[in-house]
């Protein structure tokens, strides 16, 4: 019995690694444009999730390179946003730059460090971000969970604010120029595709 359990764990681990393995694109900027944010025009869209009030703050579209992906199952936001993506654009989508920048994620934050800056610190900070992804439906959730680091994704939806019945709240940043606590985008994702 122990042997079969060991074999099952090895196969599960190998399968997980295979589906989550990073993609390694060649050097060069993959995404030149920064994310696009526009005012919500007309009546705000009705965004619904059981037990929460979700308010659209701005329309949001982007193409970006996936720098990292982290799944969440147990924190307060996991039932809404099961996946965070660390995303980069401009020179933060270039493999030549990223081979000198170490990226990690945890506790809903994105961290980076480098021994020597391949581009200015400020450019790293405004050309990358951690984004909490709220899938609009089950198909979008499956696509979010299948994304791999190194891929370029195109997504559209809304930056949002969420309120729970118990008063708990979560609000998106509305600028790409902030850093630290509350600097992450909270994105209602209507569509996502790998480019």
N, C-alpha and C. Protein backbone atom coordinates (compact mmCIF):
# COMPACT_ATOMS: atom_id res chain seq x y z
N UNK A 1 0.82 -1.20 0.00
CA UNK A 1 0.00 0.00 0.00
C UNK A 1 0.87 1.27 0.00
N UNK A 2 1.92 1.27 0.83
CA UNK A 2 2.79 2.45 0.89
C UNK A 2 3.46 2.70 -0.46
N UNK A 3 3.82 1.61 -1.14
CA UNK A 3 4.46 1.76 -2.43
C UNK A 3 3.53 2.44 -3.43
N UNK A 4 2.25 2.02 -3.47
CA UNK A 4 1.29 2.63 -4.39
C UNK A 4 1.04 4.09 -4.04
N UNK A 5 1.03 4.40 -2.77
CA UNK A 5 0.86 5.79 -2.35
C UNK A 5 2.05 6.62 -2.82
N UNK A 6 3.26 6.07 -2.66
CA UNK A 6 4.46 6.77 -3.11
C UNK A 6 4.42 7.00 -4.62
N UNK A 7 4.04 5.97 -5.38
CA UNK A 7 3.96 6.09 -6.84
C UNK A 7 2.91 7.14 -7.23
N UNK A 8 1.77 7.12 -6.55
CA UNK A 8 0.71 8.09 -6.84
C UNK A 8 1.19 9.52 -6.56
N UNK A 9 1.90 9.71 -5.46
CA UNK A 9 2.42 11.04 -5.14
C UNK A 9 3.45 11.51 -6.16
N UNK A 10 4.31 10.59 -6.59
CA UNK A 10 5.31 10.95 -7.60
C UNK A 10 4.62 11.32 -8.91
N UNK A 11 3.64 10.54 -9.33
CA UNK A 11 2.91 10.84 -10.57
C UNK A 11 2.15 12.16 -10.47
N UNK A 12 1.52 12.41 -9.32
CA UNK A 12 0.82 13.68 -9.12
C UNK A 12 1.80 14.84 -9.19
N UNK A 13 2.93 14.71 -8.52
CA UNK A 13 3.95 15.77 -8.53
C UNK A 13 4.49 16.02 -9.93
N UNK A 14 4.73 14.95 -10.68
CA UNK A 14 5.24 15.10 -12.05
C UNK A 14 4.19 15.77 -12.94
N UNK A 15 2.93 15.38 -12.77
CA UNK A 15 1.87 15.99 -13.56
C UNK A 15 1.70 17.46 -13.23
N UNK A 16 1.78 17.80 -11.95
CA UNK A 16 1.67 19.20 -11.53
C UNK A 16 2.83 20.00 -12.10
N UNK A 17 4.03 19.48 -12.00
CA UNK A 17 5.21 20.18 -12.54
C UNK A 17 5.04 20.41 -14.04
N UNK A 18 4.58 19.40 -14.75
CA UNK A 18 4.45 19.49 -16.21
C UNK A 18 3.46 20.59 -16.60
N UNK A 19 2.33 20.67 -15.90
CA UNK A 19 1.33 21.67 -16.27
C UNK A 19 1.69 23.06 -15.77
N UNK A 20 2.58 23.17 -14.79
CA UNK A 20 2.95 24.47 -14.23
C UNK A 20 4.35 24.94 -14.67
N UNK A 21 5.04 24.13 -15.46
CA UNK A 21 6.42 24.47 -15.83
C UNK A 21 6.47 25.79 -16.59
N UNK A 22 7.50 26.60 -16.37
CA UNK A 22 7.59 27.89 -17.05
C UNK A 22 7.91 27.74 -18.54
N UNK A 23 7.50 28.75 -19.29
CA UNK A 23 7.85 28.89 -20.70
C UNK A 23 9.06 29.83 -20.73
N UNK A 24 9.99 29.60 -21.65
CA UNK A 24 11.20 30.41 -21.72
C UNK A 24 11.31 31.09 -23.09
N UNK A 25 10.64 32.25 -23.26
CA UNK A 25 10.72 32.94 -24.55
C UNK A 25 12.10 33.55 -24.76
N UNK A 26 12.48 33.82 -26.00
CA UNK A 26 13.78 34.43 -26.29
C UNK A 26 13.81 35.88 -25.80
N UNK A 27 15.01 36.45 -25.77
CA UNK A 27 15.19 37.84 -25.34
C UNK A 27 14.43 38.79 -26.26
N UNK A 28 14.03 39.91 -25.70
CA UNK A 28 13.30 40.93 -26.44
C UNK A 28 12.01 41.28 -25.71
N UNK A 29 11.58 42.51 -25.85
CA UNK A 29 10.34 42.96 -25.23
C UNK A 29 9.16 42.24 -25.89
N UNK A 30 8.37 41.54 -25.11
CA UNK A 30 7.22 40.81 -25.62
C UNK A 30 5.95 41.66 -25.64
N UNK A 31 5.86 42.60 -24.70
CA UNK A 31 4.68 43.46 -24.59
C UNK A 31 5.16 44.88 -24.36
N UNK A 32 4.94 45.75 -25.34
CA UNK A 32 5.44 47.12 -25.25
C UNK A 32 4.51 48.03 -24.45
N UNK A 33 3.20 47.81 -24.53
CA UNK A 33 2.24 48.73 -23.92
C UNK A 33 1.92 48.38 -22.48
N UNK A 34 1.70 49.43 -21.69
CA UNK A 34 1.23 49.27 -20.31
C UNK A 34 -0.25 48.92 -20.32
N UNK A 35 -0.78 48.39 -19.22
CA UNK A 35 -2.23 48.13 -19.14
C UNK A 35 -3.04 49.39 -19.41
N UNK A 36 -4.25 49.19 -19.95
CA UNK A 36 -5.15 50.29 -20.29
C UNK A 36 -6.31 50.33 -19.30
N UNK A 37 -6.48 51.47 -18.69
CA UNK A 37 -7.55 51.66 -17.71
C UNK A 37 -8.40 52.85 -18.15
N UNK A 38 -9.71 52.66 -18.21
CA UNK A 38 -10.61 53.74 -18.61
C UNK A 38 -11.77 53.81 -17.63
N UNK A 39 -12.41 54.97 -17.60
CA UNK A 39 -13.56 55.16 -16.72
C UNK A 39 -14.70 54.26 -17.15
N UNK A 40 -15.50 53.85 -16.19
CA UNK A 40 -16.70 53.07 -16.48
C UNK A 40 -17.73 54.05 -17.04
N UNK A 41 -18.20 53.78 -18.25
CA UNK A 41 -19.16 54.69 -18.87
C UNK A 41 -20.58 54.13 -18.72
N UNK A 42 -21.53 55.06 -18.61
CA UNK A 42 -22.92 54.65 -18.46
C UNK A 42 -23.16 54.02 -17.11
N UNK A 43 -24.14 53.15 -17.04
CA UNK A 43 -24.45 52.45 -15.79
C UNK A 43 -23.36 51.43 -15.50
N UNK A 44 -22.89 51.35 -14.24
CA UNK A 44 -21.90 50.34 -13.91
C UNK A 44 -22.45 48.94 -14.17
N UNK A 45 -21.60 48.03 -14.63
CA UNK A 45 -22.08 46.67 -14.89
C UNK A 45 -22.44 45.96 -13.59
N UNK A 46 -23.35 45.01 -13.69
CA UNK A 46 -23.74 44.21 -12.52
C UNK A 46 -22.77 43.04 -12.41
N UNK A 47 -21.92 43.09 -11.42
CA UNK A 47 -20.96 42.02 -11.17
C UNK A 47 -21.43 41.29 -9.92
N UNK A 48 -21.70 40.01 -10.04
CA UNK A 48 -22.33 39.29 -8.94
C UNK A 48 -21.49 38.11 -8.46
N UNK A 49 -21.46 37.95 -7.17
CA UNK A 49 -20.88 36.78 -6.52
C UNK A 49 -21.60 36.60 -5.20
N UNK A 50 -22.10 35.42 -4.94
CA UNK A 50 -22.88 35.13 -3.74
C UNK A 50 -22.18 35.64 -2.47
N UNK A 51 -22.88 36.45 -1.70
CA UNK A 51 -22.36 36.94 -0.42
C UNK A 51 -21.52 38.19 -0.51
N UNK A 52 -21.35 38.75 -1.72
CA UNK A 52 -20.49 39.92 -1.90
C UNK A 52 -21.17 40.96 -2.78
N UNK A 53 -20.84 42.22 -2.52
CA UNK A 53 -21.18 43.31 -3.41
C UNK A 53 -19.91 43.69 -4.14
N UNK A 54 -19.95 43.65 -5.46
CA UNK A 54 -18.76 43.95 -6.27
C UNK A 54 -19.06 45.16 -7.13
N UNK A 55 -18.22 46.19 -6.98
CA UNK A 55 -18.41 47.45 -7.69
C UNK A 55 -17.29 47.66 -8.69
N UNK A 56 -17.63 47.91 -9.94
CA UNK A 56 -16.63 48.21 -10.97
C UNK A 56 -16.11 49.63 -10.75
N UNK A 57 -14.80 49.78 -10.66
CA UNK A 57 -14.16 51.08 -10.47
C UNK A 57 -13.62 51.64 -11.79
N UNK A 58 -13.18 50.74 -12.69
CA UNK A 58 -12.62 51.17 -13.97
C UNK A 58 -12.60 49.97 -14.91
N UNK A 59 -12.74 50.24 -16.20
CA UNK A 59 -12.55 49.21 -17.22
C UNK A 59 -11.06 48.95 -17.31
N UNK A 60 -10.65 47.69 -17.55
CA UNK A 60 -9.24 47.34 -17.49
C UNK A 60 -8.92 46.30 -18.55
N UNK A 61 -7.87 46.56 -19.33
CA UNK A 61 -7.40 45.61 -20.35
C UNK A 61 -5.89 45.60 -20.33
N UNK A 62 -5.32 44.46 -20.61
CA UNK A 62 -3.86 44.39 -20.68
C UNK A 62 -3.40 43.21 -21.50
N UNK A 63 -2.18 43.33 -21.98
CA UNK A 63 -1.37 42.21 -22.42
C UNK A 63 -0.13 42.28 -21.57
N UNK A 64 0.32 41.16 -21.05
CA UNK A 64 1.48 41.15 -20.18
C UNK A 64 2.10 39.76 -20.14
N UNK A 65 3.36 39.74 -19.78
CA UNK A 65 4.05 38.47 -19.57
C UNK A 65 3.81 38.02 -18.14
N UNK A 66 3.53 36.74 -17.98
CA UNK A 66 3.33 36.18 -16.65
C UNK A 66 4.70 35.96 -16.01
N UNK A 67 4.96 36.69 -14.94
CA UNK A 67 6.23 36.55 -14.20
C UNK A 67 6.11 35.47 -13.13
N UNK A 68 4.90 35.27 -12.64
CA UNK A 68 4.66 34.25 -11.62
C UNK A 68 3.17 34.04 -11.45
N UNK A 69 2.82 32.88 -10.91
CA UNK A 69 1.42 32.56 -10.63
C UNK A 69 1.37 31.89 -9.27
N UNK A 70 0.42 32.30 -8.46
CA UNK A 70 0.24 31.69 -7.14
C UNK A 70 -1.24 31.39 -6.96
N UNK A 71 -1.53 30.15 -6.55
CA UNK A 71 -2.91 29.76 -6.27
C UNK A 71 -3.18 29.91 -4.77
N UNK A 72 -4.41 30.29 -4.45
CA UNK A 72 -4.82 30.42 -3.05
C UNK A 72 -6.06 29.60 -2.81
N UNK A 73 -6.07 28.91 -1.67
CA UNK A 73 -7.20 28.05 -1.34
C UNK A 73 -7.80 28.36 0.03
N UNK A 74 -7.02 28.98 0.93
CA UNK A 74 -7.45 29.05 2.32
C UNK A 74 -7.54 30.46 2.90
N UNK A 75 -7.05 31.48 2.21
CA UNK A 75 -7.13 32.82 2.78
C UNK A 75 -8.52 33.41 2.55
N UNK A 76 -8.78 34.57 3.12
CA UNK A 76 -10.11 35.19 3.08
C UNK A 76 -10.57 35.46 1.64
N UNK A 77 -9.65 35.78 0.75
CA UNK A 77 -10.03 36.10 -0.62
C UNK A 77 -10.07 34.93 -1.58
N UNK A 78 -9.74 33.72 -1.12
CA UNK A 78 -9.58 32.59 -2.04
C UNK A 78 -10.85 32.22 -2.79
N UNK A 79 -12.01 32.34 -2.14
CA UNK A 79 -13.24 31.96 -2.85
C UNK A 79 -13.57 32.95 -3.97
N UNK A 80 -13.05 34.16 -3.88
CA UNK A 80 -13.24 35.15 -4.93
C UNK A 80 -12.11 35.10 -5.95
N UNK A 81 -10.89 35.17 -5.47
CA UNK A 81 -9.70 35.26 -6.33
C UNK A 81 -8.77 34.09 -6.02
N UNK A 82 -8.98 32.95 -6.68
CA UNK A 82 -8.16 31.78 -6.40
C UNK A 82 -6.76 31.84 -7.00
N UNK A 83 -6.50 32.83 -7.86
CA UNK A 83 -5.21 32.93 -8.54
C UNK A 83 -4.73 34.37 -8.51
N UNK A 84 -3.45 34.56 -8.18
CA UNK A 84 -2.77 35.83 -8.37
C UNK A 84 -1.77 35.66 -9.50
N UNK A 85 -1.68 36.63 -10.37
CA UNK A 85 -0.66 36.65 -11.41
C UNK A 85 0.24 37.85 -11.18
N UNK A 86 1.56 37.61 -11.14
CA UNK A 86 2.54 38.68 -11.21
C UNK A 86 2.79 38.90 -12.69
N UNK A 87 2.59 40.13 -13.16
CA UNK A 87 2.64 40.41 -14.59
C UNK A 87 3.65 41.51 -14.88
N UNK A 88 4.28 41.43 -16.07
CA UNK A 88 5.24 42.44 -16.49
C UNK A 88 4.99 42.88 -17.92
N UNK A 89 5.30 44.14 -18.19
CA UNK A 89 5.18 44.70 -19.54
C UNK A 89 6.38 45.61 -19.76
N UNK A 90 6.53 46.13 -20.97
CA UNK A 90 7.73 46.91 -21.28
C UNK A 90 8.96 46.02 -21.10
N UNK A 91 10.02 46.59 -20.57
CA UNK A 91 11.24 45.80 -20.41
C UNK A 91 11.10 44.71 -19.33
N UNK A 92 10.05 44.78 -18.54
CA UNK A 92 9.79 43.67 -17.59
C UNK A 92 9.11 42.49 -18.27
N UNK A 93 9.01 42.51 -19.59
CA UNK A 93 8.57 41.33 -20.36
C UNK A 93 9.72 40.74 -21.16
N UNK A 94 10.93 41.27 -20.98
CA UNK A 94 12.12 40.87 -21.73
C UNK A 94 12.92 39.82 -20.95
N UNK A 95 13.14 38.66 -21.54
CA UNK A 95 13.89 37.60 -20.87
C UNK A 95 15.29 38.03 -20.48
N UNK A 96 15.91 38.92 -21.27
CA UNK A 96 17.27 39.39 -20.95
C UNK A 96 17.27 40.17 -19.64
N UNK A 97 16.21 40.90 -19.35
CA UNK A 97 16.08 41.62 -18.08
C UNK A 97 15.70 40.64 -16.97
N UNK A 98 14.74 39.78 -17.24
CA UNK A 98 14.19 38.91 -16.21
C UNK A 98 15.17 37.84 -15.75
N UNK A 99 16.18 37.52 -16.56
CA UNK A 99 17.17 36.55 -16.08
C UNK A 99 18.02 37.13 -14.94
N UNK A 100 17.93 38.45 -14.75
CA UNK A 100 18.68 39.10 -13.67
C UNK A 100 17.79 39.54 -12.51
N UNK A 101 16.49 39.25 -12.61
CA UNK A 101 15.53 39.64 -11.57
C UNK A 101 14.84 38.38 -11.06
N UNK A 102 14.96 38.14 -9.76
CA UNK A 102 14.31 36.97 -9.15
C UNK A 102 12.91 37.38 -8.68
N UNK A 103 11.91 36.62 -9.09
CA UNK A 103 10.51 36.91 -8.78
C UNK A 103 9.95 35.82 -7.89
N UNK A 104 9.17 36.21 -6.88
CA UNK A 104 8.46 35.24 -6.05
C UNK A 104 7.13 35.86 -5.61
N UNK A 105 6.24 35.01 -5.13
CA UNK A 105 4.94 35.45 -4.66
C UNK A 105 4.59 34.71 -3.39
N UNK A 106 3.76 35.32 -2.56
CA UNK A 106 3.26 34.68 -1.35
C UNK A 106 2.45 35.65 -0.53
N UNK A 107 1.49 35.14 0.21
CA UNK A 107 0.61 35.94 1.07
C UNK A 107 0.02 37.14 0.33
N UNK A 108 -0.32 36.93 -0.93
CA UNK A 108 -0.96 37.93 -1.80
C UNK A 108 -0.03 39.07 -2.19
N UNK A 109 1.27 38.86 -2.07
CA UNK A 109 2.25 39.86 -2.50
C UNK A 109 3.14 39.29 -3.59
N UNK A 110 3.73 40.18 -4.36
CA UNK A 110 4.73 39.84 -5.38
C UNK A 110 6.04 40.49 -4.93
N UNK A 111 7.10 39.71 -4.94
CA UNK A 111 8.41 40.19 -4.52
C UNK A 111 9.40 40.04 -5.66
N UNK A 112 10.33 40.95 -5.75
CA UNK A 112 11.41 40.82 -6.71
C UNK A 112 12.70 41.25 -6.03
N UNK A 113 13.80 40.71 -6.53
CA UNK A 113 15.12 41.14 -6.05
C UNK A 113 16.14 40.91 -7.15
N UNK A 114 17.21 41.68 -7.07
CA UNK A 114 18.27 41.56 -8.06
C UNK A 114 19.60 41.93 -7.42
N UNK A 115 20.65 41.29 -7.85
CA UNK A 115 21.99 41.62 -7.35
C UNK A 115 22.52 42.88 -8.02
N UNK A 116 22.18 43.07 -9.29
CA UNK A 116 22.56 44.30 -10.00
C UNK A 116 21.42 44.65 -10.94
N UNK A 117 20.99 45.90 -10.91
CA UNK A 117 19.81 46.32 -11.65
C UNK A 117 20.05 46.30 -13.16
N UNK A 118 19.28 45.48 -13.90
CA UNK A 118 19.41 45.48 -15.36
C UNK A 118 18.69 46.69 -15.98
N UNK A 119 17.71 47.23 -15.27
CA UNK A 119 17.00 48.45 -15.64
C UNK A 119 16.79 49.22 -14.35
N UNK A 120 16.46 50.49 -14.41
CA UNK A 120 16.27 51.26 -13.17
C UNK A 120 15.17 50.68 -12.27
N UNK A 121 15.36 50.80 -10.97
CA UNK A 121 14.42 50.29 -9.98
C UNK A 121 13.00 50.80 -10.26
N UNK A 122 12.85 52.09 -10.51
CA UNK A 122 11.54 52.67 -10.76
C UNK A 122 10.84 52.05 -11.96
N UNK A 123 11.60 51.67 -12.97
CA UNK A 123 11.01 51.03 -14.14
C UNK A 123 10.50 49.63 -13.79
N UNK A 124 11.24 48.92 -12.96
CA UNK A 124 10.75 47.61 -12.50
C UNK A 124 9.43 47.79 -11.77
N UNK A 125 9.36 48.79 -10.90
CA UNK A 125 8.17 49.00 -10.07
C UNK A 125 6.94 49.41 -10.87
N UNK A 126 7.10 50.21 -11.92
CA UNK A 126 5.93 50.66 -12.68
C UNK A 126 5.64 49.79 -13.90
N UNK A 127 6.50 48.81 -14.16
CA UNK A 127 6.30 47.93 -15.33
C UNK A 127 5.98 46.50 -14.91
N UNK A 128 5.56 46.33 -13.66
CA UNK A 128 5.16 45.01 -13.18
C UNK A 128 4.21 45.20 -12.00
N UNK A 129 3.38 44.19 -11.77
CA UNK A 129 2.41 44.28 -10.67
C UNK A 129 1.89 42.89 -10.33
N UNK A 130 1.44 42.77 -9.10
CA UNK A 130 0.72 41.57 -8.67
C UNK A 130 -0.77 41.87 -8.79
N UNK A 131 -1.51 40.94 -9.41
CA UNK A 131 -2.94 41.16 -9.62
C UNK A 131 -3.73 39.98 -9.12
N UNK A 132 -4.74 40.27 -8.29
CA UNK A 132 -5.65 39.26 -7.76
C UNK A 132 -6.78 39.08 -8.78
N UNK A 133 -6.93 37.87 -9.26
CA UNK A 133 -7.86 37.62 -10.37
C UNK A 133 -9.16 36.99 -9.88
N UNK A 134 -10.27 37.70 -10.11
CA UNK A 134 -11.61 37.18 -9.81
C UNK A 134 -12.21 36.72 -11.13
N UNK A 135 -12.32 35.42 -11.36
CA UNK A 135 -12.88 34.96 -12.63
C UNK A 135 -14.38 35.22 -12.70
N UNK A 136 -14.83 35.69 -13.86
CA UNK A 136 -16.26 35.97 -14.06
C UNK A 136 -17.08 34.69 -14.14
N UNK A 137 -16.45 33.58 -14.56
CA UNK A 137 -17.18 32.31 -14.67
C UNK A 137 -16.19 31.15 -14.58
N UNK A 138 -16.71 29.94 -14.62
CA UNK A 138 -15.89 28.74 -14.46
C UNK A 138 -14.88 28.57 -15.59
N UNK A 139 -15.25 28.93 -16.82
CA UNK A 139 -14.32 28.80 -17.95
C UNK A 139 -13.13 29.73 -17.79
N UNK A 140 -13.37 30.95 -17.35
CA UNK A 140 -12.26 31.90 -17.10
C UNK A 140 -11.38 31.38 -15.97
N UNK A 141 -11.99 30.83 -14.93
CA UNK A 141 -11.20 30.27 -13.82
C UNK A 141 -10.28 29.15 -14.30
N UNK A 142 -10.79 28.26 -15.14
CA UNK A 142 -9.94 27.18 -15.67
C UNK A 142 -8.77 27.74 -16.47
N UNK A 143 -9.04 28.76 -17.30
CA UNK A 143 -7.96 29.35 -18.09
C UNK A 143 -6.93 30.04 -17.20
N UNK A 144 -7.40 30.74 -16.17
CA UNK A 144 -6.46 31.39 -15.23
C UNK A 144 -5.56 30.35 -14.56
N UNK A 145 -6.14 29.25 -14.15
CA UNK A 145 -5.38 28.22 -13.46
C UNK A 145 -4.41 27.49 -14.39
N UNK A 146 -4.64 27.55 -15.70
CA UNK A 146 -3.76 26.84 -16.65
C UNK A 146 -2.61 27.71 -17.16
N UNK A 147 -2.63 28.99 -16.85
CA UNK A 147 -1.57 29.90 -17.31
C UNK A 147 -0.24 29.49 -16.70
N UNK A 148 0.84 29.66 -17.49
CA UNK A 148 2.18 29.29 -17.02
C UNK A 148 3.10 30.50 -17.05
N UNK A 149 4.02 30.61 -16.08
CA UNK A 149 5.01 31.69 -16.11
C UNK A 149 5.77 31.69 -17.44
N UNK A 150 5.98 32.89 -17.97
CA UNK A 150 6.65 33.05 -19.25
C UNK A 150 5.69 33.27 -20.40
N UNK A 151 4.45 32.87 -20.24
CA UNK A 151 3.46 33.09 -21.29
C UNK A 151 3.02 34.55 -21.31
N UNK A 152 2.54 34.98 -22.46
CA UNK A 152 1.94 36.30 -22.59
C UNK A 152 0.43 36.11 -22.61
N UNK A 153 -0.26 36.85 -21.74
CA UNK A 153 -1.71 36.76 -21.66
C UNK A 153 -2.35 38.08 -22.05
N UNK A 154 -3.53 38.00 -22.62
CA UNK A 154 -4.36 39.17 -22.89
C UNK A 154 -5.62 38.98 -22.07
N UNK A 155 -5.97 39.98 -21.26
CA UNK A 155 -7.18 39.86 -20.47
C UNK A 155 -7.94 41.17 -20.44
N UNK A 156 -9.23 41.05 -20.17
CA UNK A 156 -10.06 42.25 -20.06
C UNK A 156 -11.10 42.03 -18.98
N UNK A 157 -11.49 43.13 -18.38
CA UNK A 157 -12.49 43.09 -17.31
C UNK A 157 -12.56 44.43 -16.62
N UNK A 158 -12.63 44.40 -15.29
CA UNK A 158 -12.78 45.60 -14.50
C UNK A 158 -11.88 45.56 -13.27
N UNK A 159 -11.37 46.71 -12.87
CA UNK A 159 -10.80 46.86 -11.53
C UNK A 159 -11.98 47.09 -10.60
N UNK A 160 -11.98 46.40 -9.46
CA UNK A 160 -13.18 46.39 -8.63
C UNK A 160 -12.88 46.63 -7.15
N UNK A 161 -13.98 46.90 -6.45
CA UNK A 161 -13.99 46.91 -4.99
C UNK A 161 -15.00 45.87 -4.55
N UNK A 162 -14.65 45.11 -3.51
CA UNK A 162 -15.51 44.03 -3.02
C UNK A 162 -15.85 44.31 -1.55
N UNK A 163 -17.12 44.08 -1.21
CA UNK A 163 -17.56 44.16 0.18
C UNK A 163 -18.31 42.88 0.51
N UNK A 164 -17.94 42.27 1.64
CA UNK A 164 -18.65 41.09 2.12
C UNK A 164 -19.79 41.49 3.02
N UNK A 165 -20.71 40.57 3.25
CA UNK A 165 -21.85 40.85 4.13
C UNK A 165 -21.40 41.18 5.55
N UNK A 166 -20.23 40.64 5.92
CA UNK A 166 -19.70 40.86 7.27
C UNK A 166 -18.89 42.15 7.39
N UNK A 167 -18.85 42.95 6.31
CA UNK A 167 -18.11 44.21 6.34
C UNK A 167 -16.70 44.13 5.80
N UNK A 168 -16.22 42.91 5.52
CA UNK A 168 -14.87 42.74 4.97
C UNK A 168 -14.79 43.42 3.62
N UNK A 169 -13.66 44.05 3.33
CA UNK A 169 -13.51 44.73 2.06
C UNK A 169 -12.16 44.50 1.41
N UNK A 170 -12.14 44.66 0.10
CA UNK A 170 -10.94 44.49 -0.71
C UNK A 170 -11.09 45.46 -1.87
N UNK A 171 -10.11 46.34 -2.07
CA UNK A 171 -10.22 47.37 -3.11
C UNK A 171 -8.99 47.35 -4.00
N UNK A 172 -9.22 47.48 -5.28
CA UNK A 172 -8.13 47.52 -6.25
C UNK A 172 -7.38 48.83 -6.19
N UNK A 173 -6.09 48.75 -6.47
CA UNK A 173 -5.31 49.94 -6.78
C UNK A 173 -5.82 50.47 -8.13
N UNK A 174 -5.75 51.77 -8.31
CA UNK A 174 -6.19 52.37 -9.58
C UNK A 174 -5.03 53.04 -10.31
N UNK A 175 -3.79 52.68 -9.95
CA UNK A 175 -2.62 53.22 -10.63
C UNK A 175 -1.55 52.13 -10.72
N UNK A 176 -0.71 52.21 -11.70
CA UNK A 176 0.41 51.26 -11.81
C UNK A 176 1.67 51.84 -11.17
N UNK A 177 1.57 53.03 -10.58
CA UNK A 177 2.74 53.71 -10.04
C UNK A 177 2.95 53.51 -8.54
N UNK A 178 2.08 52.74 -7.89
CA UNK A 178 2.23 52.54 -6.45
C UNK A 178 2.97 51.24 -6.15
N UNK A 179 3.46 51.13 -4.93
CA UNK A 179 4.15 49.92 -4.48
C UNK A 179 3.72 49.63 -3.05
N UNK A 180 3.98 48.41 -2.61
CA UNK A 180 3.71 48.05 -1.22
C UNK A 180 2.27 47.64 -0.98
N UNK A 181 1.86 47.73 0.30
CA UNK A 181 0.53 47.32 0.71
C UNK A 181 -0.53 48.11 -0.04
N UNK A 182 -1.57 47.45 -0.50
CA UNK A 182 -2.71 48.03 -1.23
C UNK A 182 -2.34 48.48 -2.64
N UNK A 183 -1.19 48.05 -3.17
CA UNK A 183 -0.78 48.44 -4.52
C UNK A 183 -1.22 47.43 -5.58
N UNK A 184 -1.79 46.32 -5.17
CA UNK A 184 -2.19 45.29 -6.13
C UNK A 184 -3.52 45.64 -6.79
N UNK A 185 -3.67 45.16 -8.00
CA UNK A 185 -4.94 45.30 -8.71
C UNK A 185 -5.84 44.13 -8.36
N UNK A 186 -7.11 44.41 -8.17
CA UNK A 186 -8.13 43.41 -7.95
C UNK A 186 -8.99 43.41 -9.20
N UNK A 187 -8.88 42.35 -10.01
CA UNK A 187 -9.43 42.36 -11.37
C UNK A 187 -10.56 41.35 -11.52
N UNK A 188 -11.72 41.85 -11.92
CA UNK A 188 -12.83 40.99 -12.36
C UNK A 188 -12.51 40.62 -13.80
N UNK A 189 -12.17 39.37 -14.05
CA UNK A 189 -11.70 38.94 -15.37
C UNK A 189 -12.85 38.36 -16.18
N UNK A 190 -13.19 39.07 -17.26
CA UNK A 190 -14.25 38.59 -18.15
C UNK A 190 -13.70 37.67 -19.23
N UNK A 191 -12.47 37.95 -19.68
CA UNK A 191 -11.86 37.09 -20.70
C UNK A 191 -10.36 37.07 -20.51
N UNK A 192 -9.76 35.92 -20.83
CA UNK A 192 -8.31 35.79 -20.78
C UNK A 192 -7.90 34.80 -21.87
N UNK A 193 -6.83 35.15 -22.58
CA UNK A 193 -6.31 34.28 -23.63
C UNK A 193 -4.80 34.31 -23.57
N UNK A 194 -4.17 33.20 -23.91
CA UNK A 194 -2.72 33.14 -24.03
C UNK A 194 -2.37 33.54 -25.45
N UNK A 195 -1.48 34.49 -25.58
CA UNK A 195 -1.08 34.97 -26.92
C UNK A 195 0.03 34.13 -27.47
